[in-house]
Amino acid sequence: MNRVRLFFKDLSEVVGGNGFSVVRLVDAEEQRAVGIIIDKPTSDQLTWRIRRVPGREKMLPEVLSSLLIADSGINSLELMVYDVCEGQYQTTLLHRNTLSLRSIRISDAVLLHYIAKVPLYMDAALLLRQSVPYVAQQTGISIPINTLDTDRLNRELQRAIDDEDYRLASILHDELRRRIKD
């Protein structure tokens, strides 16, 4: 499998997003960027780490990460994003020494990547489909429509219809119809 290593770049709150935020991940050359939607609790967790809130070394993610890495070594772990299904990135955590593979939420994978510096990869073909060119000072972050959950798609479809944005409504409708067929 051809894959690309990704790195945490920044975190932005979604305006009117009910606490949701978007993490921007970039490739090593900072040529491509992908937006990952995360929930409020995970956003809060990342924000505490970004702001270096005192006492975070005693928080559960740091403690468990340090134990896991002390026991296995940082090079024994890796995260892989390999697909999108029903609006969710499909992600796994691999322990190379034991070859054990566990599914993990993308938001938790990003948090683990940020806290413990566990390498995070994305399938190269998936990255090309889901990413946009990286622009350093960009204020907005693009989010692929196929990463929105069905409830959010329905809400956005209704908003597009109410706003008489029929082009967007058509795109949203097509994505919802595609999910029903799959």
N, C-alpha and C. Protein backbone atom coordinates (compact mmCIF):
# COMPACT_ATOMS: atom_id res chain seq x y z
N MET A 1 0.85 -1.18 0.00
CA MET A 1 0.00 0.00 0.00
C MET A 1 0.89 1.24 0.00
N ASN A 2 0.64 2.13 -0.92
CA ASN A 2 1.35 3.40 -0.99
C ASN A 2 0.72 4.35 0.02
N ARG A 3 1.53 4.94 0.87
CA ARG A 3 0.99 5.79 1.92
C ARG A 3 1.85 7.03 2.09
N VAL A 4 1.23 8.04 2.73
CA VAL A 4 1.89 9.33 2.95
C VAL A 4 1.80 9.64 4.44
N ARG A 5 2.92 10.07 5.00
CA ARG A 5 2.92 10.44 6.41
C ARG A 5 2.33 11.84 6.55
N LEU A 6 1.47 12.00 7.54
CA LEU A 6 0.82 13.27 7.82
C LEU A 6 1.27 13.82 9.16
N PHE A 7 1.16 15.14 9.29
CA PHE A 7 1.56 15.83 10.51
C PHE A 7 0.48 16.83 10.90
N PHE A 8 0.25 16.95 12.21
CA PHE A 8 -0.70 17.93 12.73
C PHE A 8 -0.20 19.32 12.37
N LYS A 9 -1.09 20.16 11.83
CA LYS A 9 -0.72 21.53 11.50
C LYS A 9 -1.43 22.53 12.40
N ASP A 10 -2.76 22.44 12.46
CA ASP A 10 -3.51 23.38 13.29
C ASP A 10 -4.92 22.88 13.55
N LEU A 11 -5.61 23.64 14.38
CA LEU A 11 -6.97 23.32 14.81
C LEU A 11 -7.80 24.58 14.67
N SER A 12 -8.98 24.46 14.05
CA SER A 12 -9.88 25.61 13.88
C SER A 12 -11.28 25.21 14.29
N GLU A 13 -11.94 26.09 15.04
CA GLU A 13 -13.32 25.84 15.42
C GLU A 13 -14.23 26.10 14.23
N VAL A 14 -15.25 25.25 14.06
CA VAL A 14 -16.22 25.43 13.00
C VAL A 14 -17.25 26.44 13.49
N VAL A 15 -17.37 27.57 12.80
CA VAL A 15 -18.34 28.60 13.17
C VAL A 15 -19.74 28.03 12.97
N GLY A 16 -20.55 28.09 14.03
CA GLY A 16 -21.89 27.53 13.97
C GLY A 16 -21.90 26.01 13.93
N GLY A 17 -20.80 25.40 14.34
CA GLY A 17 -20.65 23.95 14.25
C GLY A 17 -20.96 23.20 15.53
N ASN A 18 -21.61 23.85 16.50
CA ASN A 18 -21.99 23.19 17.76
C ASN A 18 -20.80 22.54 18.46
N GLY A 19 -19.68 23.23 18.47
CA GLY A 19 -18.51 22.73 19.19
C GLY A 19 -17.57 21.89 18.36
N PHE A 20 -17.93 21.59 17.13
CA PHE A 20 -17.05 20.82 16.28
C PHE A 20 -15.89 21.69 15.82
N SER A 21 -14.77 21.03 15.59
CA SER A 21 -13.58 21.72 15.08
C SER A 21 -13.01 20.92 13.92
N VAL A 22 -12.08 21.54 13.21
CA VAL A 22 -11.40 20.87 12.11
C VAL A 22 -9.91 20.91 12.37
N VAL A 23 -9.30 19.73 12.31
CA VAL A 23 -7.85 19.61 12.41
C VAL A 23 -7.32 19.59 10.98
N ARG A 24 -6.26 20.34 10.76
CA ARG A 24 -5.62 20.30 9.45
C ARG A 24 -4.34 19.49 9.57
N LEU A 25 -4.26 18.45 8.76
CA LEU A 25 -3.07 17.61 8.67
C LEU A 25 -2.40 17.87 7.33
N VAL A 26 -1.08 17.89 7.33
CA VAL A 26 -0.34 18.16 6.09
C VAL A 26 0.70 17.06 5.86
N ASP A 27 1.10 16.91 4.60
CA ASP A 27 2.18 15.99 4.29
C ASP A 27 3.52 16.63 4.67
N ALA A 28 4.59 15.85 4.63
CA ALA A 28 5.91 16.33 5.07
C ALA A 28 6.40 17.52 4.26
N GLU A 29 6.05 17.57 2.98
CA GLU A 29 6.48 18.67 2.11
C GLU A 29 5.56 19.88 2.19
N GLU A 30 4.48 19.75 2.97
CA GLU A 30 3.45 20.78 3.10
C GLU A 30 2.90 21.21 1.74
N GLN A 31 2.62 20.18 0.93
CA GLN A 31 2.01 20.41 -0.38
C GLN A 31 0.50 20.17 -0.35
N ARG A 32 0.06 19.19 0.46
CA ARG A 32 -1.33 18.81 0.54
C ARG A 32 -1.81 18.90 1.97
N ALA A 33 -3.09 19.24 2.15
CA ALA A 33 -3.70 19.34 3.47
C ALA A 33 -5.05 18.65 3.45
N VAL A 34 -5.37 18.00 4.54
CA VAL A 34 -6.67 17.35 4.68
C VAL A 34 -7.30 17.82 5.98
N GLY A 35 -8.59 18.14 5.92
CA GLY A 35 -9.34 18.58 7.10
C GLY A 35 -10.06 17.41 7.74
N ILE A 36 -9.92 17.27 9.05
CA ILE A 36 -10.55 16.20 9.81
C ILE A 36 -11.50 16.83 10.82
N ILE A 37 -12.77 16.47 10.77
CA ILE A 37 -13.75 16.98 11.72
C ILE A 37 -13.60 16.23 13.03
N ILE A 38 -13.55 16.97 14.13
CA ILE A 38 -13.48 16.34 15.45
C ILE A 38 -14.55 16.95 16.36
N ASP A 39 -14.98 16.17 17.33
CA ASP A 39 -16.02 16.61 18.25
C ASP A 39 -15.45 17.54 19.33
N LYS A 40 -16.34 18.15 20.10
CA LYS A 40 -15.92 19.11 21.11
C LYS A 40 -15.00 18.52 22.18
N PRO A 41 -15.34 17.34 22.75
CA PRO A 41 -14.42 16.80 23.76
C PRO A 41 -12.99 16.59 23.24
N THR A 42 -12.86 16.07 22.03
CA THR A 42 -11.52 15.87 21.46
C THR A 42 -10.87 17.20 21.14
N SER A 43 -11.66 18.14 20.66
CA SER A 43 -11.14 19.49 20.40
C SER A 43 -10.60 20.11 21.68
N ASP A 44 -11.35 19.96 22.78
CA ASP A 44 -10.89 20.48 24.07
C ASP A 44 -9.58 19.82 24.47
N GLN A 45 -9.50 18.50 24.30
CA GLN A 45 -8.28 17.77 24.64
C GLN A 45 -7.08 18.30 23.84
N LEU A 46 -7.28 18.48 22.55
CA LEU A 46 -6.18 19.01 21.72
C LEU A 46 -5.82 20.43 22.12
N THR A 47 -6.82 21.24 22.38
CA THR A 47 -6.58 22.63 22.77
C THR A 47 -5.75 22.70 24.05
N TRP A 48 -6.04 21.84 25.02
CA TRP A 48 -5.25 21.83 26.26
C TRP A 48 -3.79 21.52 25.97
N ARG A 49 -3.56 20.61 25.01
CA ARG A 49 -2.17 20.27 24.68
C ARG A 49 -1.49 21.38 23.91
N ILE A 50 -2.21 21.98 22.97
CA ILE A 50 -1.64 23.08 22.19
C ILE A 50 -1.26 24.24 23.09
N ARG A 51 -2.13 24.54 24.06
CA ARG A 51 -1.88 25.65 24.99
C ARG A 51 -0.97 25.25 26.15
N ARG A 52 -0.57 23.98 26.18
CA ARG A 52 0.33 23.45 27.21
C ARG A 52 -0.21 23.70 28.63
N VAL A 53 -1.45 23.32 28.83
CA VAL A 53 -2.10 23.47 30.13
C VAL A 53 -1.31 22.69 31.18
N PRO A 54 -0.99 23.34 32.30
CA PRO A 54 -0.23 22.65 33.35
C PRO A 54 -0.98 21.42 33.86
N GLY A 55 -0.24 20.37 34.18
CA GLY A 55 -0.81 19.16 34.72
C GLY A 55 -1.20 18.14 33.67
N ARG A 56 -1.03 18.46 32.41
CA ARG A 56 -1.46 17.53 31.36
C ARG A 56 -0.66 16.22 31.38
N GLU A 57 0.55 16.24 31.92
CA GLU A 57 1.35 15.01 31.98
C GLU A 57 0.72 13.96 32.89
N LYS A 58 -0.26 14.36 33.70
CA LYS A 58 -0.96 13.43 34.58
C LYS A 58 -2.31 13.00 34.00
N MET A 59 -2.67 13.53 32.82
CA MET A 59 -3.94 13.17 32.19
C MET A 59 -3.83 11.77 31.59
N LEU A 60 -4.95 11.08 31.52
CA LEU A 60 -4.99 9.70 31.09
C LEU A 60 -4.30 9.45 29.74
N PRO A 61 -4.57 10.25 28.69
CA PRO A 61 -3.89 9.97 27.42
C PRO A 61 -2.36 10.02 27.52
N GLU A 62 -1.84 10.98 28.27
CA GLU A 62 -0.38 11.07 28.41
C GLU A 62 0.18 9.89 29.21
N VAL A 63 -0.51 9.54 30.28
CA VAL A 63 -0.04 8.44 31.12
C VAL A 63 -0.05 7.13 30.34
N LEU A 64 -1.17 6.83 29.67
CA LEU A 64 -1.25 5.59 28.90
C LEU A 64 -0.26 5.58 27.74
N SER A 65 -0.12 6.71 27.07
CA SER A 65 0.84 6.80 25.96
C SER A 65 2.26 6.55 26.44
N SER A 66 2.62 7.16 27.56
CA SER A 66 3.98 6.99 28.06
C SER A 66 4.23 5.54 28.48
N LEU A 67 3.23 4.88 29.08
CA LEU A 67 3.38 3.47 29.44
C LEU A 67 3.53 2.58 28.21
N LEU A 68 2.69 2.83 27.21
CA LEU A 68 2.73 2.03 25.99
C LEU A 68 4.06 2.19 25.27
N ILE A 69 4.53 3.41 25.19
CA ILE A 69 5.79 3.68 24.49
C ILE A 69 6.97 3.15 25.30
N ALA A 70 6.92 3.29 26.62
CA ALA A 70 8.00 2.77 27.46
C ALA A 70 8.08 1.25 27.32
N ASP A 71 6.93 0.59 27.21
CA ASP A 71 6.89 -0.85 27.10
C ASP A 71 7.30 -1.36 25.72
N SER A 72 6.87 -0.64 24.67
CA SER A 72 7.05 -1.14 23.30
C SER A 72 8.01 -0.32 22.45
N GLY A 73 8.18 0.93 22.78
CA GLY A 73 8.98 1.82 21.94
C GLY A 73 8.10 2.55 20.94
N ILE A 74 8.41 3.79 20.67
CA ILE A 74 7.62 4.62 19.76
C ILE A 74 7.59 4.04 18.35
N ASN A 75 8.65 3.39 17.95
CA ASN A 75 8.71 2.85 16.59
C ASN A 75 7.84 1.62 16.40
N SER A 76 7.25 1.12 17.46
CA SER A 76 6.41 -0.07 17.33
C SER A 76 4.95 0.27 17.00
N LEU A 77 4.60 1.55 17.03
CA LEU A 77 3.22 1.96 16.79
C LEU A 77 3.11 2.80 15.53
N GLU A 78 1.98 2.67 14.85
CA GLU A 78 1.66 3.57 13.75
C GLU A 78 0.16 3.61 13.54
N LEU A 79 -0.30 4.73 13.03
CA LEU A 79 -1.71 4.96 12.73
C LEU A 79 -1.87 5.03 11.21
N MET A 80 -2.96 4.44 10.70
CA MET A 80 -3.18 4.43 9.26
C MET A 80 -4.63 4.75 8.95
N VAL A 81 -4.83 5.77 8.10
CA VAL A 81 -6.16 6.13 7.60
C VAL A 81 -6.25 5.52 6.20
N TYR A 82 -7.19 4.61 6.01
CA TYR A 82 -7.20 3.86 4.76
C TYR A 82 -8.47 4.01 3.91
N ASP A 83 -9.55 4.61 4.46
CA ASP A 83 -10.79 4.70 3.68
C ASP A 83 -11.74 5.68 4.35
N VAL A 84 -12.85 5.98 3.66
CA VAL A 84 -13.96 6.74 4.21
C VAL A 84 -15.21 5.91 4.00
N CYS A 85 -15.99 5.73 5.06
CA CYS A 85 -17.22 4.96 4.97
C CYS A 85 -18.29 5.64 5.82
N GLU A 86 -19.44 5.92 5.21
CA GLU A 86 -20.56 6.56 5.91
C GLU A 86 -20.14 7.83 6.64
N GLY A 87 -19.28 8.62 6.01
CA GLY A 87 -18.88 9.90 6.57
C GLY A 87 -17.78 9.80 7.62
N GLN A 88 -17.20 8.63 7.81
CA GLN A 88 -16.16 8.44 8.83
C GLN A 88 -14.88 7.92 8.18
N TYR A 89 -13.76 8.55 8.54
CA TYR A 89 -12.48 8.00 8.12
C TYR A 89 -12.25 6.68 8.85
N GLN A 90 -11.84 5.67 8.12
CA GLN A 90 -11.51 4.37 8.68
C GLN A 90 -10.03 4.38 9.04
N THR A 91 -9.74 4.16 10.31
CA THR A 91 -8.38 4.32 10.82
C THR A 91 -8.03 3.15 11.72
N THR A 92 -6.77 2.74 11.66
CA THR A 92 -6.30 1.65 12.52
C THR A 92 -5.03 2.07 13.25
N LEU A 93 -4.84 1.42 14.39
CA LEU A 93 -3.61 1.53 15.17
C LEU A 93 -2.92 0.18 15.08
N LEU A 94 -1.70 0.19 14.58
CA LEU A 94 -0.93 -1.04 14.42
C LEU A 94 0.19 -1.08 15.45
N HIS A 95 0.31 -2.22 16.12
CA HIS A 95 1.45 -2.48 16.99
C HIS A 95 2.35 -3.42 16.19
N ARG A 96 3.44 -2.89 15.66
CA ARG A 96 4.30 -3.65 14.75
C ARG A 96 4.94 -4.89 15.40
N ASN A 97 5.26 -4.82 16.68
CA ASN A 97 5.92 -5.96 17.33
C ASN A 97 5.01 -7.18 17.43
N THR A 98 3.74 -6.93 17.72
CA THR A 98 2.79 -8.03 17.89
C THR A 98 1.90 -8.23 16.67
N LEU A 99 1.96 -7.28 15.74
CA LEU A 99 1.10 -7.25 14.55
C LEU A 99 -0.37 -7.16 14.91
N SER A 100 -0.67 -6.66 16.10
CA SER A 100 -2.08 -6.47 16.47
C SER A 100 -2.55 -5.15 15.85
N LEU A 101 -3.76 -5.20 15.37
CA LEU A 101 -4.37 -4.09 14.64
C LEU A 101 -5.69 -3.77 15.30
N ARG A 102 -5.92 -2.51 15.63
CA ARG A 102 -7.17 -2.10 16.27
C ARG A 102 -7.75 -0.91 15.52
N SER A 103 -9.06 -0.93 15.34
CA SER A 103 -9.74 0.24 14.77
C SER A 103 -9.73 1.35 15.82
N ILE A 104 -9.63 2.57 15.35
CA ILE A 104 -9.60 3.73 16.24
C ILE A 104 -10.30 4.89 15.53
N ARG A 105 -11.02 5.69 16.30
CA ARG A 105 -11.66 6.87 15.71
C ARG A 105 -10.56 7.80 15.19
N ILE A 106 -10.82 8.46 14.08
CA ILE A 106 -9.83 9.37 13.51
C ILE A 106 -9.48 10.48 14.49
N SER A 107 -10.47 10.98 15.23
CA SER A 107 -10.19 12.06 16.19
C SER A 107 -9.25 11.58 17.30
N ASP A 108 -9.44 10.34 17.76
CA ASP A 108 -8.54 9.79 18.77
C ASP A 108 -7.16 9.51 18.19
N ALA A 109 -7.12 9.11 16.93
CA ALA A 109 -5.84 8.89 16.27
C ALA A 109 -5.05 10.20 16.18
N VAL A 110 -5.73 11.29 15.85
CA VAL A 110 -5.07 12.59 15.79
C VAL A 110 -4.55 12.99 17.18
N LEU A 111 -5.36 12.76 18.20
CA LEU A 111 -4.94 13.08 19.57
C LEU A 111 -3.71 12.25 19.96
N LEU A 112 -3.72 10.96 19.66
CA LEU A 112 -2.58 10.10 19.97
C LEU A 112 -1.34 10.55 19.19
N HIS A 113 -1.54 10.89 17.92
CA HIS A 113 -0.45 11.41 17.09
C HIS A 113 0.15 12.67 17.72
N TYR A 114 -0.70 13.56 18.18
CA TYR A 114 -0.23 14.83 18.74
C TYR A 114 0.49 14.61 20.08
N ILE A 115 -0.12 13.81 20.95
CA ILE A 115 0.43 13.62 22.30
C ILE A 115 1.71 12.79 22.28
N ALA A 116 1.65 11.64 21.61
CA ALA A 116 2.75 10.67 21.71
C ALA A 116 3.65 10.65 20.47
N LYS A 117 3.33 11.50 19.51
CA LYS A 117 4.12 11.55 18.26
C LYS A 117 4.11 10.22 17.52
N VAL A 118 3.02 9.46 17.66
CA VAL A 118 2.86 8.21 16.91
C VAL A 118 2.69 8.58 15.44
N PRO A 119 3.48 7.98 14.54
CA PRO A 119 3.37 8.31 13.12
C PRO A 119 1.95 8.07 12.59
N LEU A 120 1.47 9.01 11.80
CA LEU A 120 0.13 8.95 11.22
C LEU A 120 0.27 8.96 9.70
N TYR A 121 -0.31 7.96 9.07
CA TYR A 121 -0.24 7.81 7.62
C TYR A 121 -1.63 7.80 7.02
N MET A 122 -1.70 8.16 5.73
CA MET A 122 -2.94 8.04 4.97
C MET A 122 -2.61 7.39 3.65
N ASP A 123 -3.49 6.50 3.21
CA ASP A 123 -3.35 5.90 1.90
C ASP A 123 -3.17 7.03 0.88
N ALA A 124 -2.18 6.91 -0.01
CA ALA A 124 -1.84 7.99 -0.94
C ALA A 124 -3.00 8.34 -1.87
N ALA A 125 -3.70 7.34 -2.38
CA ALA A 125 -4.83 7.60 -3.26
C ALA A 125 -5.96 8.30 -2.50
N LEU A 126 -6.19 7.90 -1.27
CA LEU A 126 -7.21 8.55 -0.44
C LEU A 126 -6.82 10.00 -0.17
N LEU A 127 -5.55 10.23 0.14
CA LEU A 127 -5.09 11.60 0.39
C LEU A 127 -5.33 12.48 -0.83
N LEU A 128 -5.04 11.97 -2.01
CA LEU A 128 -5.27 12.77 -3.22
C LEU A 128 -6.74 13.12 -3.40
N ARG A 129 -7.63 12.17 -3.08
CA ARG A 129 -9.08 12.43 -3.20
C ARG A 129 -9.59 13.40 -2.15
N GLN A 130 -9.06 13.31 -0.94
CA GLN A 130 -9.62 14.04 0.19
C GLN A 130 -8.93 15.37 0.48
N SER A 131 -7.77 15.60 -0.07
CA SER A 131 -6.99 16.78 0.31
C SER A 131 -7.12 17.91 -0.70
N VAL A 132 -6.60 19.04 -0.28
CA VAL A 132 -6.50 20.23 -1.12
C VAL A 132 -5.06 20.73 -1.03
N PRO A 133 -4.65 21.57 -1.97
CA PRO A 133 -3.30 22.14 -1.85
C PRO A 133 -3.19 22.91 -0.52
N TYR A 134 -2.06 22.76 0.13
CA TYR A 134 -1.84 23.44 1.41
C TYR A 134 -1.45 24.89 1.15
N VAL A 135 -2.12 25.80 1.84
CA VAL A 135 -1.81 27.23 1.80
C VAL A 135 -1.55 27.66 3.24
N ALA A 136 -0.34 28.12 3.51
CA ALA A 136 0.10 28.38 4.88
C ALA A 136 -0.80 29.34 5.66
N GLN A 137 -1.17 30.44 5.09
CA GLN A 137 -1.93 31.45 5.83
C GLN A 137 -3.43 31.39 5.57
N GLN A 138 -3.89 30.27 5.06
CA GLN A 138 -5.31 30.11 4.75
C GLN A 138 -6.15 30.17 6.02
N THR A 139 -7.24 30.95 5.98
CA THR A 139 -8.09 31.07 7.16
C THR A 139 -9.19 30.01 7.20
N GLY A 140 -9.66 29.57 6.05
CA GLY A 140 -10.68 28.53 6.00
C GLY A 140 -10.05 27.18 5.70
N ILE A 141 -10.74 26.13 6.10
CA ILE A 141 -10.26 24.79 5.85
C ILE A 141 -11.35 24.02 5.12
N SER A 142 -10.98 23.41 4.00
CA SER A 142 -11.94 22.61 3.24
C SER A 142 -12.14 21.26 3.89
N ILE A 143 -13.40 20.82 3.86
CA ILE A 143 -13.75 19.51 4.40
C ILE A 143 -14.45 18.74 3.30
N PRO A 144 -13.95 17.57 2.95
CA PRO A 144 -14.62 16.77 1.91
C PRO A 144 -16.03 16.40 2.35
N ILE A 145 -16.96 16.48 1.44
CA ILE A 145 -18.36 16.22 1.75
C ILE A 145 -18.58 14.78 2.22
N ASN A 146 -17.76 13.86 1.73
CA ASN A 146 -17.96 12.46 2.11
C ASN A 146 -17.52 12.16 3.54
N THR A 147 -17.00 13.16 4.26
CA THR A 147 -16.62 12.96 5.66
C THR A 147 -17.66 13.53 6.63
N LEU A 148 -18.77 14.03 6.08
CA LEU A 148 -19.86 14.51 6.94
C LEU A 148 -20.80 13.34 7.24
N ASP A 149 -21.25 13.24 8.49
CA ASP A 149 -22.18 12.17 8.81
C ASP A 149 -23.54 12.47 8.17
N THR A 150 -24.37 11.47 8.10
CA THR A 150 -25.65 11.57 7.40
C THR A 150 -26.55 12.63 8.01
N ASP A 151 -26.61 12.72 9.34
CA ASP A 151 -27.43 13.74 9.98
C ASP A 151 -26.98 15.14 9.57
N ARG A 152 -25.68 15.38 9.58
CA ARG A 152 -25.16 16.70 9.21
C ARG A 152 -25.45 16.98 7.73
N LEU A 153 -25.32 15.97 6.87
CA LEU A 153 -25.64 16.16 5.45
C LEU A 153 -27.10 16.57 5.28
N ASN A 154 -27.99 15.91 6.01
CA ASN A 154 -29.42 16.26 5.92
C ASN A 154 -29.67 17.69 6.38
N ARG A 155 -29.01 18.10 7.48
CA ARG A 155 -29.17 19.47 7.97
C ARG A 155 -28.64 20.48 6.94
N GLU A 156 -27.48 20.17 6.36
CA GLU A 156 -26.89 21.07 5.38
C GLU A 156 -27.73 21.12 4.10
N LEU A 157 -28.33 19.99 3.74
CA LEU A 157 -29.23 19.97 2.58
C LEU A 157 -30.42 20.88 2.82
N GLN A 158 -31.02 20.79 4.00
CA GLN A 158 -32.16 21.65 4.31
C GLN A 158 -31.74 23.13 4.31
N ARG A 159 -30.57 23.42 4.86
CA ARG A 159 -30.07 24.80 4.87
C ARG A 159 -29.84 25.31 3.44
N ALA A 160 -29.28 24.46 2.57
CA ALA A 160 -29.05 24.86 1.18
C ALA A 160 -30.37 25.13 0.47
N ILE A 161 -31.38 24.31 0.72
CA ILE A 161 -32.70 24.53 0.12
C ILE A 161 -33.30 25.82 0.64
N ASP A 162 -33.22 26.04 1.96
CA ASP A 162 -33.76 27.27 2.55
C ASP A 162 -33.06 28.51 1.98
N ASP A 163 -31.75 28.39 1.70
CA ASP A 163 -30.97 29.50 1.16
C ASP A 163 -31.07 29.59 -0.36
N GLU A 164 -31.85 28.68 -0.95
CA GLU A 164 -32.01 28.59 -2.40
C GLU A 164 -30.68 28.40 -3.13
N ASP A 165 -29.78 27.67 -2.50
CA ASP A 165 -28.50 27.31 -3.11
C ASP A 165 -28.68 25.91 -3.70
N TYR A 166 -29.29 25.87 -4.87
CA TYR A 166 -29.69 24.60 -5.45
C TYR A 166 -28.50 23.79 -5.98
N ARG A 167 -27.41 24.44 -6.32
CA ARG A 167 -26.21 23.72 -6.75
C ARG A 167 -25.67 22.90 -5.58
N LEU A 168 -25.54 23.55 -4.41
CA LEU A 168 -25.07 22.84 -3.22
C LEU A 168 -26.08 21.77 -2.80
N ALA A 169 -27.36 22.10 -2.88
CA ALA A 169 -28.39 21.12 -2.51
C ALA A 169 -28.29 19.87 -3.39
N SER A 170 -28.02 20.06 -4.66
CA SER A 170 -27.88 18.93 -5.57
C SER A 170 -26.69 18.06 -5.20
N ILE A 171 -25.58 18.68 -4.86
CA ILE A 171 -24.38 17.94 -4.46
C ILE A 171 -24.64 17.14 -3.19
N LEU A 172 -25.27 17.78 -2.21
CA LEU A 172 -25.58 17.10 -0.95
C LEU A 172 -26.56 15.95 -1.16
N HIS A 173 -27.56 16.21 -1.99
CA HIS A 173 -28.55 15.17 -2.30
C HIS A 173 -27.88 13.97 -2.96
N ASP A 174 -26.98 14.22 -3.90
CA ASP A 174 -26.27 13.14 -4.58
C ASP A 174 -25.45 12.30 -3.61
N GLU A 175 -24.78 12.95 -2.64
CA GLU A 175 -24.00 12.22 -1.65
C GLU A 175 -24.91 11.36 -0.78
N LEU A 176 -26.05 11.90 -0.37
CA LEU A 176 -26.99 11.11 0.44
C LEU A 176 -27.53 9.92 -0.36
N ARG A 177 -27.85 10.14 -1.61
CA ARG A 177 -28.35 9.06 -2.46
C ARG A 177 -27.28 7.99 -2.68
N ARG A 178 -26.02 8.40 -2.83
CA ARG A 178 -24.92 7.45 -3.01
C ARG A 178 -24.79 6.54 -1.79
N ARG A 179 -24.97 7.11 -0.60
CA ARG A 179 -24.87 6.33 0.64
C ARG A 179 -25.97 5.30 0.76
N ILE A 180 -27.15 5.64 0.28
CA ILE A 180 -28.27 4.71 0.32
C ILE A 180 -28.01 3.52 -0.60
N LYS A 181 -27.41 3.78 -1.75
CA LYS A 181 -27.08 2.72 -2.72
C LYS A 181 -26.00 1.80 -2.18
N ASP A 182 -25.03 2.36 -1.46
CA ASP A 182 -23.91 1.56 -0.94
C ASP A 182 -24.40 0.76 0.19
